[in-house]
Each structure stands twice: as C-alpha cells, then as structure tokens.
Amino acid sequence: MKNRVKEYRNRSNLTQKQLAEHVFVSQRTIISLEKGKYKPSIMLAYRLACVFETTVEDLFCLAENKKLEDQVYEDL
C-alpha cells in the first residue's frame, strides 16, 4: 500500500524509533509501513495521521490506492 509516512516523518524530523514510540508500535512496523509492505489497522493509521496533523486519506494515498486496486479487480 502506497503511503507518505516516510515523507511526513522526514518533514517532522522524527526517527523511525521516535515515530514508533509516538504511535505505540515497534520500529520494525514503521520500517514495513514505509516500504509499503504493511497495511496498518484503522487505529494505527489514525494515530499516524494525528501525529502529522493530516488526514488518513492523504497520508495513505487512499484515492490512488483505490484506483490501483480497482484496476486489479477489473482485470480479473
């Protein structure tokens, strides 16, 4: 899942470990999120959006991800 977590984290001058502590997850979870290999729970997505003072939709590129997923289903 495409997201902007790393972009927002860098803008906020936070390390992966610091961000993980803010949202009560492991550093490994943040690493996986930033690589697009982990889909967060709704609550984790919300916590991250709150830290960065943005929306879940923007942070996790939901419109773009929906279009990509829709294309996969249309090709079936």
PDB file of N, CA and C in Angstrom:
ATOM      1  N   MET A   1       0.843  -1.171   0.000  1.00  0.00           N
ATOM      2  CA  MET A   1       0.000   0.000   0.000  1.00  0.00           C
ATOM      3  C   MET A   1       0.894   1.242   0.000  1.00  0.00           C
ATOM      4  N   LYS A   2       0.693   2.065  -0.994  1.00  0.00           N
ATOM      5  CA  LYS A   2       1.455   3.300  -1.083  1.00  0.00           C
ATOM      6  C   LYS A   2       1.047   4.241   0.053  1.00  0.00           C
ATOM      7  N   ASN A   3       2.056   4.921   0.615  1.00  0.00           N
ATOM      8  CA  ASN A   3       1.760   5.895   1.666  1.00  0.00           C
ATOM      9  C   ASN A   3       2.845   6.963   1.684  1.00  0.00           C
ATOM     10  N   ARG A   4       2.624   7.978   2.499  1.00  0.00           N
ATOM     11  CA  ARG A   4       3.554   9.101   2.594  1.00  0.00           C
ATOM     12  C   ARG A   4       4.159   9.204   3.993  1.00  0.00           C
ATOM     13  N   VAL A   5       4.202   8.099   4.719  1.00  0.00           N
ATOM     14  CA  VAL A   5       4.684   8.102   6.095  1.00  0.00           C
ATOM     15  C   VAL A   5       6.129   8.593   6.160  1.00  0.00           C
ATOM     16  N   LYS A   6       6.995   8.057   5.318  1.00  0.00           N
ATOM     17  CA  LYS A   6       8.400   8.464   5.356  1.00  0.00           C
ATOM     18  C   LYS A   6       8.546   9.957   5.049  1.00  0.00           C
ATOM     19  N   GLU A   7       7.814  10.422   4.069  1.00  0.00           N
ATOM     20  CA  GLU A   7       7.846  11.846   3.701  1.00  0.00           C
ATOM     21  C   GLU A   7       7.447  12.723   4.893  1.00  0.00           C
ATOM     22  N   TYR A   8       6.332  12.387   5.523  1.00  0.00           N
ATOM     23  CA  TYR A   8       5.872  13.159   6.677  1.00  0.00           C
ATOM     24  C   TYR A   8       6.839  13.034   7.858  1.00  0.00           C
ATOM     25  N   ARG A   9       7.373  11.844   8.064  1.00  0.00           N
ATOM     26  CA  ARG A   9       8.308  11.632   9.168  1.00  0.00           C
ATOM     27  C   ARG A   9       9.562  12.484   8.982  1.00  0.00           C
ATOM     28  N   ASN A  10      10.082  12.497   7.765  1.00  0.00           N
ATOM     29  CA  ASN A  10      11.270  13.302   7.492  1.00  0.00           C
ATOM     30  C   ASN A  10      10.995  14.787   7.673  1.00  0.00           C
ATOM     31  N   ARG A  11       9.835  15.242   7.216  1.00  0.00           N
ATOM     32  CA  ARG A  11       9.468  16.653   7.393  1.00  0.00           C
ATOM     33  C   ARG A  11       9.375  17.028   8.866  1.00  0.00           C
ATOM     34  N   SER A  12       8.970  16.058   9.675  1.00  0.00           N
ATOM     35  CA  SER A  12       8.801  16.298  11.117  1.00  0.00           C
ATOM     36  C   SER A  12      10.092  16.073  11.900  1.00  0.00           C
ATOM     37  N   ASN A  13      11.158  15.717  11.199  1.00  0.00           N
ATOM     38  CA  ASN A  13      12.453  15.445  11.833  1.00  0.00           C
ATOM     39  C   ASN A  13      12.357  14.391  12.933  1.00  0.00           C
ATOM     40  N   LEU A  14      11.607  13.335  12.653  1.00  0.00           N
ATOM     41  CA  LEU A  14      11.477  12.219  13.587  1.00  0.00           C
ATOM     42  C   LEU A  14      12.240  11.012  13.051  1.00  0.00           C
ATOM     43  N   THR A  15      12.841  10.267  13.940  1.00  0.00           N
ATOM     44  CA  THR A  15      13.427   8.989  13.534  1.00  0.00           C
ATOM     45  C   THR A  15      12.311   7.952  13.480  1.00  0.00           C
ATOM     46  N   GLN A  16      12.596   6.824  12.880  1.00  0.00           N
ATOM     47  CA  GLN A  16      11.609   5.742  12.858  1.00  0.00           C
ATOM     48  C   GLN A  16      11.277   5.297  14.280  1.00  0.00           C
ATOM     49  N   LYS A  17      12.294   5.248  15.120  1.00  0.00           N
ATOM     50  CA  LYS A  17      12.084   4.835  16.508  1.00  0.00           C
ATOM     51  C   LYS A  17      11.204   5.838  17.244  1.00  0.00           C
ATOM     52  N   GLN A  18      11.446   7.116  17.060  1.00  0.00           N
ATOM     53  CA  GLN A  18      10.627   8.140  17.729  1.00  0.00           C
ATOM     54  C   GLN A  18       9.178   8.058  17.277  1.00  0.00           C
ATOM     55  N   LEU A  19       8.974   7.905  15.970  1.00  0.00           N
ATOM     56  CA  LEU A  19       7.603   7.800  15.457  1.00  0.00           C
ATOM     57  C   LEU A  19       6.923   6.567  16.031  1.00  0.00           C
ATOM     58  N   ALA A  20       7.641   5.462  16.055  1.00  0.00           N
ATOM     59  CA  ALA A  20       7.086   4.223  16.609  1.00  0.00           C
ATOM     60  C   ALA A  20       6.631   4.430  18.053  1.00  0.00           C
ATOM     61  N   GLU A  21       7.443   5.122  18.833  1.00  0.00           N
ATOM     62  CA  GLU A  21       7.086   5.387  20.230  1.00  0.00           C
ATOM     63  C   GLU A  21       5.840   6.264  20.336  1.00  0.00           C
ATOM     64  N   HIS A  22       5.693   7.233  19.444  1.00  0.00           N
ATOM     65  CA  HIS A  22       4.528   8.119  19.456  1.00  0.00           C
ATOM     66  C   HIS A  22       3.224   7.362  19.206  1.00  0.00           C
ATOM     67  N   VAL A  23       3.301   6.312  18.377  1.00  0.00           N
ATOM     68  CA  VAL A  23       2.072   5.603  17.992  1.00  0.00           C
ATOM     69  C   VAL A  23       1.989   4.192  18.570  1.00  0.00           C
ATOM     70  N   PHE A  24       2.899   3.880  19.501  1.00  0.00           N
ATOM     71  CA  PHE A  24       2.838   2.625  20.260  1.00  0.00           C
ATOM     72  C   PHE A  24       2.999   1.359  19.419  1.00  0.00           C
ATOM     73  N   VAL A  25       3.962   1.399  18.487  1.00  0.00           N
ATOM     74  CA  VAL A  25       4.294   0.210  17.702  1.00  0.00           C
ATOM     75  C   VAL A  25       5.808   0.046  17.714  1.00  0.00           C
ATOM     76  N   SER A  26       6.293  -1.017  17.091  1.00  0.00           N
ATOM     77  CA  SER A  26       7.736  -1.232  17.016  1.00  0.00           C
ATOM     78  C   SER A  26       8.323  -0.438  15.852  1.00  0.00           C
ATOM     79  N   GLN A  27       9.621  -0.242  15.932  1.00  0.00           N
ATOM     80  CA  GLN A  27      10.327   0.423  14.838  1.00  0.00           C
ATOM     81  C   GLN A  27      10.180  -0.406  13.560  1.00  0.00           C
ATOM     82  N   ARG A  28      10.176  -1.709  13.708  1.00  0.00           N
ATOM     83  CA  ARG A  28      10.021  -2.600  12.556  1.00  0.00           C
ATOM     84  C   ARG A  28       8.694  -2.349  11.826  1.00  0.00           C
ATOM     85  N   THR A  29       7.647  -2.042  12.581  1.00  0.00           N
ATOM     86  CA  THR A  29       6.359  -1.739  11.958  1.00  0.00           C
ATOM     87  C   THR A  29       6.467  -0.481  11.094  1.00  0.00           C
ATOM     88  N   ILE A  30       7.149   0.535  11.601  1.00  0.00           N
ATOM     89  CA  ILE A  30       7.325   1.773  10.837  1.00  0.00           C
ATOM     90  C   ILE A  30       8.139   1.501   9.574  1.00  0.00           C
ATOM     91  N   ILE A  31       9.193   0.696   9.703  1.00  0.00           N
ATOM     92  CA  ILE A  31      10.011   0.342   8.542  1.00  0.00           C
ATOM     93  C   ILE A  31       9.154  -0.344   7.483  1.00  0.00           C
ATOM     94  N   SER A  32       8.347  -1.311   7.901  1.00  0.00           N
ATOM     95  CA  SER A  32       7.476  -2.039   6.968  1.00  0.00           C
ATOM     96  C   SER A  32       6.449  -1.115   6.329  1.00  0.00           C
ATOM     97  N   LEU A  33       5.890  -0.215   7.113  1.00  0.00           N
ATOM     98  CA  LEU A  33       4.942   0.765   6.572  1.00  0.00           C
ATOM     99  C   LEU A  33       5.596   1.604   5.487  1.00  0.00           C
ATOM    100  N   GLU A  34       6.777   2.123   5.784  1.00  0.00           N
ATOM    101  CA  GLU A  34       7.464   2.998   4.839  1.00  0.00           C
ATOM    102  C   GLU A  34       7.837   2.276   3.553  1.00  0.00           C
ATOM    103  N   LYS A  35       8.037   0.981   3.621  1.00  0.00           N
ATOM    104  CA  LYS A  35       8.341   0.193   2.427  1.00  0.00           C
ATOM    105  C   LYS A  35       7.086  -0.238   1.685  1.00  0.00           C
ATOM    106  N   GLY A  36       5.912   0.082   2.249  1.00  0.00           N
ATOM    107  CA  GLY A  36       4.658  -0.299   1.609  1.00  0.00           C
ATOM    108  C   GLY A  36       4.331  -1.767   1.754  1.00  0.00           C
ATOM    109  N   LYS A  37       4.945  -2.431   2.735  1.00  0.00           N
ATOM    110  CA  LYS A  37       4.748  -3.870   2.915  1.00  0.00           C
ATOM    111  C   LYS A  37       3.803  -4.203   4.069  1.00  0.00           C
ATOM    112  N   TYR A  38       3.200  -3.192   4.642  1.00  0.00           N
ATOM    113  CA  TYR A  38       2.335  -3.411   5.808  1.00  0.00           C
ATOM    114  C   TYR A  38       1.115  -2.521   5.691  1.00  0.00           C
ATOM    115  N   LYS A  39      -0.052  -3.110   5.854  1.00  0.00           N
ATOM    116  CA  LYS A  39      -1.299  -2.342   5.870  1.00  0.00           C
ATOM    117  C   LYS A  39      -1.686  -2.130   7.326  1.00  0.00           C
ATOM    118  N   PRO A  40      -1.720  -0.881   7.753  1.00  0.00           N
ATOM    119  CA  PRO A  40      -1.993  -0.608   9.165  1.00  0.00           C
ATOM    120  C   PRO A  40      -3.454  -0.811   9.530  1.00  0.00           C
ATOM    121  N   SER A  41      -3.691  -1.018  10.810  1.00  0.00           N
ATOM    122  CA  SER A  41      -5.068  -1.033  11.298  1.00  0.00           C
ATOM    123  C   SER A  41      -5.628   0.379  11.163  1.00  0.00           C
ATOM    124  N   ILE A  42      -6.910   0.501  11.251  1.00  0.00           N
ATOM    125  CA  ILE A  42      -7.549   1.818  11.182  1.00  0.00           C
ATOM    126  C   ILE A  42      -7.025   2.705  12.305  1.00  0.00           C
ATOM    127  N   MET A  43      -6.889   2.150  13.492  1.00  0.00           N
ATOM    128  CA  MET A  43      -6.426   2.942  14.633  1.00  0.00           C
ATOM    129  C   MET A  43      -4.985   3.413  14.449  1.00  0.00           C
ATOM    130  N   LEU A  44      -4.110   2.553  13.934  1.00  0.00           N
ATOM    131  CA  LEU A  44      -2.734   2.970  13.701  1.00  0.00           C
ATOM    132  C   LEU A  44      -2.686   4.054  12.625  1.00  0.00           C
ATOM    133  N   ALA A  45      -3.448   3.890  11.571  1.00  0.00           N
ATOM    134  CA  ALA A  45      -3.496   4.909  10.519  1.00  0.00           C
ATOM    135  C   ALA A  45      -3.959   6.242  11.095  1.00  0.00           C
ATOM    136  N   TYR A  46      -4.960   6.189  11.954  1.00  0.00           N
ATOM    137  CA  TYR A  46      -5.477   7.407  12.586  1.00  0.00           C
ATOM    138  C   TYR A  46      -4.432   8.032  13.511  1.00  0.00           C
ATOM    139  N   ARG A  47      -3.763   7.217  14.304  1.00  0.00           N
ATOM    140  CA  ARG A  47      -2.718   7.734  15.207  1.00  0.00           C
ATOM    141  C   ARG A  47      -1.608   8.428  14.408  1.00  0.00           C
ATOM    142  N   LEU A  48      -1.184   7.809  13.322  1.00  0.00           N
ATOM    143  CA  LEU A  48      -0.152   8.408  12.489  1.00  0.00           C
ATOM    144  C   LEU A  48      -0.622   9.734  11.893  1.00  0.00           C
ATOM    145  N   ALA A  49      -1.834   9.749  11.396  1.00  0.00           N
ATOM    146  CA  ALA A  49      -2.382  10.986  10.829  1.00  0.00           C
ATOM    147  C   ALA A  49      -2.445  12.086  11.884  1.00  0.00           C
ATOM    148  N   CYS A  50      -2.784  11.730  13.103  1.00  0.00           N
ATOM    149  CA  CYS A  50      -2.828  12.717  14.189  1.00  0.00           C
ATOM    150  C   CYS A  50      -1.442  13.277  14.491  1.00  0.00           C
ATOM    151  N   VAL A  51      -0.426  12.411  14.510  1.00  0.00           N
ATOM    152  CA  VAL A  51       0.945  12.863  14.770  1.00  0.00           C
ATOM    153  C   VAL A  51       1.350  13.903  13.728  1.00  0.00           C
ATOM    154  N   PHE A  52       0.986  13.660  12.476  1.00  0.00           N
ATOM    155  CA  PHE A  52       1.401  14.545  11.386  1.00  0.00           C
ATOM    156  C   PHE A  52       0.384  15.645  11.064  1.00  0.00           C
ATOM    157  N   GLU A  53      -0.700  15.666  11.821  1.00  0.00           N
ATOM    158  CA  GLU A  53      -1.755  16.666  11.621  1.00  0.00           C
ATOM    159  C   GLU A  53      -2.240  16.696  10.172  1.00  0.00           C
ATOM    160  N   THR A  54      -2.557  15.510   9.677  1.00  0.00           N
ATOM    161  CA  THR A  54      -3.090  15.364   8.331  1.00  0.00           C
ATOM    162  C   THR A  54      -4.229  14.355   8.375  1.00  0.00           C
ATOM    163  N   THR A  55      -4.762  14.018   7.232  1.00  0.00           N
ATOM    164  CA  THR A  55      -5.847  13.035   7.179  1.00  0.00           C
ATOM    165  C   THR A  55      -5.293  11.651   6.840  1.00  0.00           C
ATOM    166  N   VAL A  56      -6.037  10.654   7.223  1.00  0.00           N
ATOM    167  CA  VAL A  56      -5.680   9.279   6.861  1.00  0.00           C
ATOM    168  C   VAL A  56      -5.675   9.159   5.334  1.00  0.00           C
ATOM    169  N   GLU A  57      -6.656   9.794   4.687  1.00  0.00           N
ATOM    170  CA  GLU A  57      -6.761   9.727   3.224  1.00  0.00           C
ATOM    171  C   GLU A  57      -5.492  10.246   2.547  1.00  0.00           C
ATOM    172  N   ASP A  58      -4.967  11.355   3.050  1.00  0.00           N
ATOM    173  CA  ASP A  58      -3.767  11.931   2.453  1.00  0.00           C
ATOM    174  C   ASP A  58      -2.529  11.097   2.796  1.00  0.00           C
ATOM    175  N   LEU A  59      -2.382  10.737   4.045  1.00  0.00           N
ATOM    176  CA  LEU A  59      -1.202  10.007   4.492  1.00  0.00           C
ATOM    177  C   LEU A  59      -1.062   8.661   3.789  1.00  0.00           C
ATOM    178  N   PHE A  60      -2.184   8.005   3.522  1.00  0.00           N
ATOM    179  CA  PHE A  60      -2.149   6.682   2.911  1.00  0.00           C
ATOM    180  C   PHE A  60      -2.625   6.667   1.465  1.00  0.00           C
ATOM    181  N   CYS A  61      -2.656   7.838   0.823  1.00  0.00           N
ATOM    182  CA  CYS A  61      -2.939   7.939  -0.616  1.00  0.00           C
ATOM    183  C   CYS A  61      -4.146   7.067  -0.994  1.00  0.00           C
ATOM    184  N   LEU A  62      -5.219   7.180  -0.231  1.00  0.00           N
ATOM    185  CA  LEU A  62      -6.333   6.249  -0.393  1.00  0.00           C
ATOM    186  C   LEU A  62      -6.984   6.312  -1.768  1.00  0.00           C
ATOM    187  N   ALA A  63      -7.139   7.496  -2.340  1.00  0.00           N
ATOM    188  CA  ALA A  63      -7.750   7.595  -3.671  1.00  0.00           C
ATOM    189  C   ALA A  63      -6.892   6.869  -4.707  1.00  0.00           C
ATOM    190  N   GLU A  64      -5.598   7.089  -4.650  1.00  0.00           N
ATOM    191  CA  GLU A  64      -4.679   6.446  -5.594  1.00  0.00           C
ATOM    192  C   GLU A  64      -4.647   4.937  -5.383  1.00  0.00           C
ATOM    193  N   ASN A  65      -4.586   4.494  -4.131  1.00  0.00           N
ATOM    194  CA  ASN A  65      -4.586   3.061  -3.844  1.00  0.00           C
ATOM    195  C   ASN A  65      -5.880   2.401  -4.287  1.00  0.00           C
ATOM    196  N   LYS A  66      -6.997   3.100  -4.159  1.00  0.00           N
ATOM    197  CA  LYS A  66      -8.285   2.554  -4.596  1.00  0.00           C
ATOM    198  C   LYS A  66      -8.293   2.348  -6.103  1.00  0.00           C
ATOM    199  N   LYS A  67      -7.781   3.328  -6.843  1.00  0.00           N
ATOM    200  CA  LYS A  67      -7.721   3.201  -8.305  1.00  0.00           C
ATOM    201  C   LYS A  67      -6.881   2.002  -8.715  1.00  0.00           C
ATOM    202  N   LEU A  68      -5.743   1.830  -8.074  1.00  0.00           N
ATOM    203  CA  LEU A  68      -4.878   0.693  -8.393  1.00  0.00           C
ATOM    204  C   LEU A  68      -5.568  -0.631  -8.085  1.00  0.00           C
ATOM    205  N   GLU A  69      -6.242  -0.691  -6.948  1.00  0.00           N
ATOM    206  CA  GLU A  69      -6.945  -1.918  -6.572  1.00  0.00           C
ATOM    207  C   GLU A  69      -8.115  -2.180  -7.517  1.00  0.00           C
ATOM    208  N   ASP A  70      -8.836  -1.127  -7.894  1.00  0.00           N
ATOM    209  CA  ASP A  70      -9.955  -1.280  -8.827  1.00  0.00           C
ATOM    210  C   ASP A  70      -9.484  -1.860 -10.152  1.00  0.00           C
ATOM    211  N   GLN A  71      -8.321  -1.431 -10.632  1.00  0.00           N
ATOM    212  CA  GLN A  71      -7.785  -1.945 -11.887  1.00  0.00           C
ATOM    213  C   GLN A  71      -7.503  -3.441 -11.808  1.00  0.00           C
ATOM    214  N   VAL A  72      -7.006  -3.878 -10.647  1.00  0.00           N
ATOM    215  CA  VAL A  72      -6.734  -5.306 -10.459  1.00  0.00           C
ATOM    216  C   VAL A  72      -8.034  -6.105 -10.569  1.00  0.00           C
ATOM    217  N   TYR A  73      -9.090  -5.607  -9.911  1.00  0.00           N
ATOM    218  CA  TYR A  73     -10.365  -6.321  -9.941  1.00  0.00           C
ATOM    219  C   TYR A  73     -10.989  -6.299 -11.327  1.00  0.00           C
ATOM    220  N   GLU A  74     -10.820  -5.209 -12.053  1.00  0.00           N
ATOM    221  CA  GLU A  74     -11.391  -5.116 -13.396  1.00  0.00           C
ATOM    222  C   GLU A  74     -10.697  -6.071 -14.370  1.00  0.00           C
ATOM    223  N   ASP A  75      -9.431  -6.361 -14.107  1.00  0.00           N
ATOM    224  CA  ASP A  75      -8.665  -7.252 -14.984  1.00  0.00           C
ATOM    225  C   ASP A  75      -8.960  -8.734 -14.731  1.00  0.00           C
ATOM    226  N   LEU A  76      -9.688  -9.037 -13.677  1.00  0.00           N
ATOM    227  CA  LEU A  76      -9.976 -10.445 -13.372  1.00  0.00           C
ATOM    228  C   LEU A  76     -11.004 -11.036 -14.297  1.00  0.00           C
TER     229      LEU A  76
END
